[in-house]
Amino acid sequence: MAAVTDRQIIDAHHHVWDLAVRPQPWITGEALAPLARSFSAEDLEAEARAAGVIGTVVVQTVCVPEETPELLALAAGSDLVAGVVGWTDLTAPDVADAIAALRELPGGDRLVGIRHQVQEETDPTWVLRQDVRRGLLAVGRAGLAFDLLVTPQQLPAAFTVAAGMTGVGFVLDHLGKPPIATGPLTPWAADVRRLAALPNTVCKLSGLVTEAAPGTVRIEDLAPYADTALDAFGPQRLLFGSDWPVCTLRAGYAETVRIADRLTDRLSPAEKDAVFRDNAVRAYGLRPPARP
């Protein structure tokens, strides 16, 4: 399919991990068993390049301070990784100093965002805590984006915090993890539209294949959710991410790109370029990759 190889792509969301360095506690159960091995940037690169990817954003997977320096060092030595979304303790009193220290490390100039596994917090209003808000303000003052990894039940709190912090750019990961396997659009769709009405929010077209029911990934199952996000955020505030290697539970890298391409078939070529490349540059302040 020409669009997979001919379009220049920035993959705004992928992961790497080395189980010899640390475990990934979230990889549990039979369904996630194929992910219980190490995945490196070298494993990704050939597939990404073949799909037309000219740059990527690698995203944290665990809430430990040691991982982000490793990701920054990876980016410093990579021609593919253009940005890092790392982790720091938002609730720590010295969060601003911690961010500044990360920027002094090798690859620190590639730090473009911070993320926390909000989806694992039992309190659906965790992002509204005073100490978390203080940390988010420090993220914004540092010129970094904050990736919102939330469940549909946490979208109302995400809206409230984003509405109250216009100086912070919020990136909704995986469309807020809609319930694709079970089918209902509501109340998820209404909450996504509400969040999208805020000018300081963007959304990643990522993670959809793994929210679908096991078995063949069907475009008709994913389309209502992708269309909702596209209508809400528009082609200038939606950015493609593969969510590799998690996507491999349902589809390979090239197939994941093809699915995203089909889900955006109604867009013009310029709008597709925005979704698949330019919006990531803008949302994360990436240095625009060289164009062959």
Protein backbone atom coordinates (compact mmCIF):
# COMPACT_ATOMS: atom_id res chain seq x y z
CA MET A 1 0.00 0.00 0.00
CA ALA A 2 1.70 3.19 -1.19
CA ALA A 3 0.58 5.36 1.72
CA VAL A 4 2.48 3.15 4.16
CA THR A 5 5.83 3.65 2.48
CA ASP A 6 5.49 6.92 0.55
CA ARG A 7 4.22 9.24 3.30
CA GLN A 8 6.72 10.63 5.77
CA ILE A 9 5.59 9.60 9.24
CA ILE A 10 6.46 10.52 12.80
CA ASP A 11 5.38 7.76 15.14
CA ALA A 12 4.39 9.76 18.23
CA HIS A 13 4.02 6.80 20.58
CA HIS A 14 6.09 3.66 21.01
CA HIS A 15 7.90 1.88 23.81
CA VAL A 16 11.06 -0.10 24.46
CA TRP A 17 12.01 -2.22 27.46
CA ASP A 18 14.70 -4.63 28.55
CA LEU A 19 13.54 -7.24 31.02
CA ALA A 20 17.16 -7.89 31.97
CA VAL A 21 17.28 -4.33 33.33
CA ARG A 22 13.90 -4.22 35.08
CA PRO A 23 10.54 -6.00 35.01
CA GLN A 24 7.40 -4.53 33.50
CA PRO A 25 4.85 -5.18 36.26
CA TRP A 26 1.89 -4.38 34.00
CA ILE A 27 2.66 -7.38 31.76
CA THR A 28 0.53 -9.97 33.48
CA GLY A 29 -1.82 -12.72 32.42
CA GLU A 30 -2.12 -14.86 29.31
CA ALA A 31 -3.40 -12.06 27.08
CA LEU A 32 -0.21 -10.02 27.53
CA ALA A 33 2.17 -12.99 27.54
CA PRO A 34 3.55 -12.21 24.02
CA LEU A 35 4.93 -8.94 25.44
CA ALA A 36 6.91 -10.70 28.18
CA ARG A 37 10.24 -10.27 26.41
CA SER A 38 12.60 -7.41 25.67
CA PHE A 39 11.90 -4.98 22.81
CA SER A 40 14.64 -2.64 21.61
CA ALA A 41 14.84 0.33 19.29
CA GLU A 42 16.81 -1.89 16.92
CA ASP A 43 13.86 -4.30 16.81
CA LEU A 44 11.62 -1.41 15.77
CA GLU A 45 13.86 0.46 13.35
CA ALA A 46 13.70 -1.74 10.26
CA GLU A 47 9.90 -2.03 10.43
CA ALA A 48 9.48 1.67 11.10
CA ARG A 49 11.76 2.75 8.27
CA ALA A 50 9.96 0.40 5.87
CA ALA A 51 6.68 2.10 6.82
CA GLY A 52 8.03 5.55 6.01
CA VAL A 53 8.79 6.62 9.58
CA ILE A 54 11.37 9.40 9.78
CA GLY A 55 11.19 9.99 13.53
CA THR A 56 9.59 8.65 16.69
CA VAL A 57 8.65 9.58 20.23
CA VAL A 58 9.52 6.91 22.80
CA VAL A 59 7.25 6.86 25.84
CA GLN A 60 7.87 5.65 29.39
CA THR A 61 6.33 2.41 30.62
CA VAL A 62 7.04 2.33 34.36
CA CYS A 63 6.93 4.96 37.09
CA VAL A 64 10.53 4.72 38.27
CA PRO A 65 13.17 7.46 38.05
CA GLU A 66 15.79 5.25 36.40
CA GLU A 67 13.92 4.68 33.13
CA THR A 68 13.82 8.25 31.78
CA PRO A 69 17.63 8.78 31.76
CA GLU A 70 17.91 5.51 29.84
CA LEU A 71 15.39 6.68 27.26
CA LEU A 72 17.18 10.01 26.91
CA ALA A 73 20.49 8.21 26.34
CA LEU A 74 18.76 6.04 23.74
CA ALA A 75 17.51 9.15 21.94
CA ALA A 76 20.93 10.79 22.10
CA GLY A 77 22.43 7.91 20.15
CA SER A 78 19.56 7.38 17.71
CA ASP A 79 18.79 8.81 14.30
CA LEU A 80 15.20 7.64 14.68
CA VAL A 81 14.10 8.70 18.18
CA ALA A 82 13.31 12.42 18.03
CA GLY A 83 11.65 12.83 21.42
CA VAL A 84 11.18 11.24 24.83
CA VAL A 85 8.08 11.31 27.02
CA GLY A 86 9.51 10.37 30.39
CA TRP A 87 8.39 10.10 33.99
CA THR A 88 9.07 12.08 37.11
CA ASP A 89 7.19 12.18 40.39
CA LEU A 90 4.63 14.93 39.91
CA THR A 91 3.86 14.94 43.61
CA ALA A 92 7.44 15.63 44.69
CA PRO A 93 8.13 19.14 46.03
CA ASP A 94 11.24 19.38 43.82
CA VAL A 95 9.60 18.30 40.56
CA ALA A 96 10.88 21.40 38.72
CA ASP A 97 14.43 20.62 39.80
CA ALA A 98 14.00 16.99 38.75
CA ILE A 99 12.92 18.06 35.25
CA ALA A 100 15.86 20.47 35.02
CA ALA A 101 18.23 17.67 36.05
CA LEU A 102 16.85 15.39 33.34
CA ARG A 103 17.56 18.06 30.77
CA GLU A 104 21.20 18.15 31.82
CA LEU A 105 21.66 14.46 31.04
CA PRO A 106 22.88 13.05 27.72
CA GLY A 107 19.88 13.34 25.41
CA GLY A 108 18.18 15.80 27.74
CA ASP A 109 17.40 18.06 24.81
CA ARG A 110 15.11 15.28 23.52
CA LEU A 111 12.84 15.43 26.57
CA VAL A 112 9.49 16.62 25.20
CA GLY A 113 6.93 15.40 27.68
CA ILE A 114 6.08 13.74 30.97
CA ARG A 115 3.64 10.90 31.60
CA HIS A 116 2.27 9.10 34.63
CA GLN A 117 0.23 5.89 34.65
CA VAL A 118 -2.92 7.69 35.76
CA GLN A 119 -4.94 4.70 34.54
CA GLU A 120 -3.48 2.67 37.41
CA GLU A 121 -4.54 5.15 40.09
CA THR A 122 -7.59 3.93 41.99
CA ASP A 123 -8.78 7.48 42.64
CA PRO A 124 -10.56 8.65 39.44
CA THR A 125 -9.81 12.25 40.43
CA TRP A 126 -6.07 11.70 41.06
CA VAL A 127 -5.07 14.41 38.56
CA LEU A 128 -7.06 16.95 40.59
CA ARG A 129 -4.98 16.53 43.74
CA GLN A 130 -3.22 19.72 44.79
CA ASP A 131 0.25 18.13 44.72
CA VAL A 132 -0.38 16.70 41.25
CA ARG A 133 -1.58 20.06 39.96
CA ARG A 134 1.57 21.67 41.31
CA GLY A 135 3.64 19.12 39.40
CA LEU A 136 1.66 19.66 36.21
CA LEU A 137 2.28 23.40 36.45
CA ALA A 138 6.02 22.65 36.66
CA VAL A 139 5.71 20.50 33.53
CA GLY A 140 4.04 23.36 31.67
CA ARG A 141 6.55 25.95 32.89
CA ALA A 142 9.35 23.71 31.58
CA GLY A 143 7.74 23.82 28.14
CA LEU A 144 6.88 20.13 28.20
CA ALA A 145 3.63 18.39 27.29
CA PHE A 146 1.81 16.06 29.65
CA ASP A 147 0.56 12.76 28.24
CA LEU A 148 -2.81 11.77 29.70
CA LEU A 149 -2.91 7.98 30.06
CA VAL A 150 -6.45 7.64 31.41
CA THR A 151 -9.44 5.35 31.29
CA PRO A 152 -12.86 6.54 30.12
CA GLN A 153 -13.92 6.89 33.77
CA GLN A 154 -11.06 9.33 34.34
CA LEU A 155 -11.88 11.60 31.37
CA PRO A 156 -14.08 14.00 33.40
CA ALA A 157 -11.22 14.69 35.81
CA ALA A 158 -8.84 15.08 32.86
CA PHE A 159 -11.15 17.73 31.45
CA THR A 160 -11.30 19.61 34.74
CA VAL A 161 -7.54 19.72 35.20
CA ALA A 162 -6.85 20.68 31.59
CA ALA A 163 -9.50 23.41 31.70
CA GLY A 164 -7.85 24.91 34.74
CA MET A 165 -4.31 24.82 33.32
CA THR A 166 -4.32 26.60 30.00
CA GLY A 167 -0.54 26.95 30.13
CA VAL A 168 -0.02 23.19 30.02
CA GLY A 169 -0.34 21.19 26.80
CA PHE A 170 -2.18 17.91 27.36
CA VAL A 171 -1.85 14.93 24.99
CA LEU A 172 -4.60 12.32 25.30
CA ASP A 173 -3.07 8.89 24.76
CA HIS A 174 -4.95 6.18 22.89
CA LEU A 175 -8.16 8.26 22.53
CA GLY A 176 -8.75 7.76 26.24
CA LYS A 177 -8.89 3.95 25.80
CA PRO A 178 -12.48 3.67 24.51
CA PRO A 179 -14.44 0.45 25.14
CA ILE A 180 -14.12 -0.85 21.58
CA ALA A 181 -14.41 -4.51 22.55
CA THR A 182 -17.79 -3.95 24.17
CA GLY A 183 -19.03 -1.32 21.74
CA PRO A 184 -20.70 1.59 23.56
CA LEU A 185 -19.73 5.08 22.40
CA THR A 186 -21.35 6.80 25.36
CA PRO A 187 -20.38 8.34 27.72
CA TRP A 188 -16.85 8.11 26.28
CA ALA A 189 -17.67 10.11 23.13
CA ALA A 190 -19.24 13.01 25.02
CA ASP A 191 -16.29 13.19 27.41
CA VAL A 192 -13.80 13.17 24.53
CA ARG A 193 -15.66 15.98 22.75
CA ARG A 194 -15.68 18.01 25.94
CA LEU A 195 -11.93 17.57 26.38
CA ALA A 196 -11.32 18.38 22.71
CA ALA A 197 -13.13 21.70 23.10
CA LEU A 198 -10.16 22.90 25.16
CA PRO A 199 -7.48 24.54 22.98
CA ASN A 200 -4.60 23.11 25.05
CA THR A 201 -5.43 19.50 24.22
CA VAL A 202 -4.45 17.15 21.40
CA CYS A 203 -5.10 13.44 20.94
CA LYS A 204 -3.12 10.44 19.74
CA LEU A 205 -4.62 8.16 17.14
CA SER A 206 -3.02 5.21 18.87
CA GLY A 207 -3.83 2.12 20.86
CA LEU A 208 -7.09 1.33 19.08
CA VAL A 209 -6.13 -2.10 17.82
CA THR A 210 -5.38 -3.35 21.32
CA GLU A 211 -8.70 -2.07 22.68
CA ALA A 212 -10.54 -4.16 20.08
CA ALA A 213 -11.77 -7.66 20.84
CA PRO A 214 -9.25 -10.48 20.29
CA GLY A 215 -9.24 -11.84 16.76
CA THR A 216 -9.26 -10.06 13.45
CA VAL A 217 -9.04 -6.29 13.74
CA ARG A 218 -11.89 -4.83 11.69
CA ILE A 219 -11.94 -1.27 10.42
CA GLU A 220 -15.69 -1.07 10.95
CA ASP A 221 -15.20 -1.75 14.67
CA LEU A 222 -12.58 0.98 15.07
CA ALA A 223 -14.04 3.61 12.75
CA PRO A 224 -16.75 5.03 15.07
CA TYR A 225 -14.13 5.81 17.70
CA ALA A 226 -11.59 7.22 15.27
CA ASP A 227 -14.31 9.31 13.61
CA THR A 228 -15.40 10.67 16.98
CA ALA A 229 -11.86 11.76 17.79
CA LEU A 230 -11.30 13.20 14.33
CA ASP A 231 -14.54 15.18 14.46
CA ALA A 232 -13.74 16.41 17.97
CA PHE A 233 -10.08 17.33 17.62
CA GLY A 234 -9.92 17.89 13.86
CA PRO A 235 -7.01 16.91 11.61
CA GLN A 236 -4.77 19.60 13.12
CA ARG A 237 -4.89 18.17 16.67
CA LEU A 238 -4.75 14.43 16.06
CA LEU A 239 -1.39 12.65 15.83
CA PHE A 240 -0.50 9.12 14.84
CA GLY A 241 1.17 6.71 17.25
CA SER A 242 1.76 3.00 16.73
CA ASP A 243 1.88 1.97 20.41
CA TRP A 244 4.51 -0.58 19.36
CA PRO A 245 5.16 -3.21 20.63
CA VAL A 246 1.79 -3.34 22.42
CA CYS A 247 0.08 -3.13 19.02
CA THR A 248 1.64 -6.48 18.08
CA LEU A 249 -0.90 -8.20 20.29
CA ARG A 250 -3.37 -7.56 17.45
CA ALA A 251 -1.42 -6.30 14.40
CA GLY A 252 2.14 -5.91 13.14
CA TYR A 253 3.75 -2.52 12.68
CA ALA A 254 2.97 -2.12 8.98
CA GLU A 255 -0.61 -3.27 9.50
CA THR A 256 -1.05 -0.79 12.36
CA VAL A 257 0.05 2.02 10.05
CA ARG A 258 -2.29 0.78 7.30
CA ILE A 259 -5.22 0.70 9.74
CA ALA A 260 -4.56 4.29 10.83
CA ASP A 261 -4.28 5.30 7.19
CA ARG A 262 -7.65 3.74 6.38
CA LEU A 263 -9.26 5.31 9.43
CA THR A 264 -8.27 8.73 8.06
CA ASP A 265 -9.24 8.07 4.43
CA ARG A 266 -11.65 11.02 4.37
CA LEU A 267 -8.81 13.50 4.93
CA SER A 268 -6.98 15.41 2.22
CA PRO A 269 -3.28 14.64 1.59
CA ALA A 270 -2.28 17.78 3.51
CA GLU A 271 -4.50 16.80 6.44
CA LYS A 272 -3.02 13.32 6.47
CA ASP A 273 0.46 14.81 6.54
CA ALA A 274 -0.63 16.78 9.60
CA VAL A 275 -1.92 13.68 11.41
CA PHE A 276 0.99 11.45 10.47
CA ARG A 277 3.85 13.97 10.80
CA ASP A 278 3.34 17.68 11.41
CA ASN A 279 1.09 17.58 14.46
CA ALA A 280 3.65 15.57 16.42
CA VAL A 281 6.31 18.16 15.63
CA ARG A 282 4.04 20.92 16.87
CA ALA A 283 2.59 19.15 19.94
CA TYR A 284 5.96 18.08 21.26
CA GLY A 285 8.16 20.84 19.93
CA LEU A 286 10.24 18.34 18.01
CA ARG A 287 13.03 19.48 15.80
CA PRO A 288 11.58 18.82 12.35
CA PRO A 289 13.31 15.74 10.93
CA ALA A 290 15.24 16.20 7.73
CA ARG A 291 13.12 15.45 4.71
CA PRO A 292 14.81 13.37 2.02
